[in-house]
Amino acid sequence: MVDREIGDVEDPMATVLATLGLLLMFVAVISLVMGLASLGLGGHVFGVVSCVIAVVSFVGSLACFLTDGKRLAAAEAGLPFPSMLRNP
């Protein structure tokens, strides 16, 4: 068996945040298209609800990506040496 270093193991929380952010972005795009199409066809209630869902999911995806970026920056800032020297 090969011993793995701690740096080789991926952070599961970073994977969850990135996947959730991507999923929310897909939901935002799909609901925005459906909302605009519905508004164009005269379905005002469904169109407004779909556009609100699009905005909420877009803001949620940005929050996921921002949280993931802050976690990465905090992990990098705590090291006394450059990241290129961690895994030779």
Protein backbone atom coordinates (compact mmCIF):
# COMPACT_ATOMS: atom_id res chain seq x y z
CA MET A 1 0.00 0.00 0.00
CA VAL A 2 1.09 3.53 -0.66
CA ASP A 3 0.98 6.02 2.18
CA ARG A 4 -0.83 9.18 1.24
CA GLU A 5 0.17 12.52 2.58
CA ILE A 6 -2.41 14.75 4.16
CA GLY A 7 -2.08 17.24 1.29
CA ASP A 8 -3.24 14.64 -1.23
CA VAL A 9 -6.62 14.16 0.45
CA GLU A 10 -9.33 16.45 -0.89
CA ASP A 11 -11.40 18.48 1.51
CA PRO A 12 -14.96 17.07 1.35
CA MET A 13 -16.49 20.38 2.48
CA ALA A 14 -14.87 22.20 -0.44
CA THR A 15 -16.33 19.62 -2.81
CA VAL A 16 -19.78 19.99 -1.25
CA LEU A 17 -19.68 23.79 -1.48
CA ALA A 18 -18.50 23.78 -5.10
CA THR A 19 -21.08 21.19 -6.14
CA LEU A 20 -23.90 23.00 -4.35
CA GLY A 21 -22.87 26.30 -5.90
CA LEU A 22 -22.86 24.77 -9.37
CA LEU A 23 -26.24 23.13 -8.82
CA LEU A 24 -27.73 26.41 -7.62
CA MET A 25 -26.31 28.17 -10.67
CA PHE A 26 -28.03 25.64 -12.97
CA VAL A 27 -31.30 26.17 -11.09
CA ALA A 28 -30.91 29.93 -11.47
CA VAL A 29 -30.36 29.76 -15.23
CA ILE A 30 -33.23 27.33 -15.84
CA SER A 31 -35.71 29.22 -13.67
CA LEU A 32 -34.72 32.56 -15.21
CA VAL A 33 -35.36 31.21 -18.70
CA MET A 34 -38.68 29.72 -17.61
CA GLY A 35 -39.67 32.93 -15.84
CA LEU A 36 -38.85 35.18 -18.78
CA ALA A 37 -40.66 32.86 -21.18
CA SER A 38 -43.67 32.78 -18.89
CA LEU A 39 -43.69 36.57 -18.57
CA GLY A 40 -43.53 36.84 -22.34
CA LEU A 41 -46.52 34.53 -22.73
CA GLY A 42 -48.63 36.33 -20.15
CA GLY A 43 -48.22 34.11 -17.08
CA HIS A 44 -47.35 36.84 -14.64
CA VAL A 45 -47.59 34.92 -11.36
CA PHE A 46 -45.50 31.95 -12.52
CA GLY A 47 -43.04 34.30 -14.22
CA VAL A 48 -42.48 36.39 -11.13
CA VAL A 49 -42.14 33.32 -8.89
CA SER A 50 -39.64 31.76 -11.30
CA CYS A 51 -37.59 34.96 -11.48
CA VAL A 52 -37.55 35.23 -7.68
CA ILE A 53 -36.34 31.62 -7.45
CA ALA A 54 -33.66 32.48 -10.01
CA VAL A 55 -32.42 35.44 -7.99
CA VAL A 56 -32.42 33.52 -4.71
CA SER A 57 -30.56 30.55 -6.17
CA PHE A 58 -28.04 32.85 -7.89
CA VAL A 59 -27.30 34.63 -4.61
CA GLY A 60 -27.04 31.24 -2.90
CA SER A 61 -24.53 30.02 -5.47
CA LEU A 62 -22.45 33.16 -5.03
CA ALA A 63 -22.52 32.62 -1.26
CA CYS A 64 -21.30 29.03 -1.73
CA PHE A 65 -18.44 30.12 -3.99
CA LEU A 66 -17.52 32.99 -1.66
CA THR A 67 -17.48 30.70 1.38
CA ASP A 68 -15.33 28.17 -0.47
CA GLY A 69 -12.90 30.89 -1.53
CA LYS A 70 -12.63 32.29 2.00
CA ARG A 71 -11.93 28.82 3.40
CA LEU A 72 -9.16 28.31 0.83
CA ALA A 73 -7.65 31.73 1.53
CA ALA A 74 -7.71 31.09 5.28
CA ALA A 75 -5.99 27.73 4.82
CA GLU A 76 -3.31 29.27 2.62
CA ALA A 77 -2.73 32.23 4.96
CA GLY A 78 -2.00 30.01 7.94
CA LEU A 79 1.03 28.39 6.34
CA PRO A 80 4.48 29.85 7.00
CA PHE A 81 5.81 28.80 3.57
CA PRO A 82 4.56 29.04 -0.03
CA SER A 83 2.11 26.43 -1.24
CA MET A 84 4.45 25.30 -4.01
CA LEU A 85 6.82 23.92 -1.36
CA ARG A 86 4.21 21.79 0.41
CA ASN A 87 4.10 18.86 -2.02
CA PRO A 88 7.45 18.51 -3.78
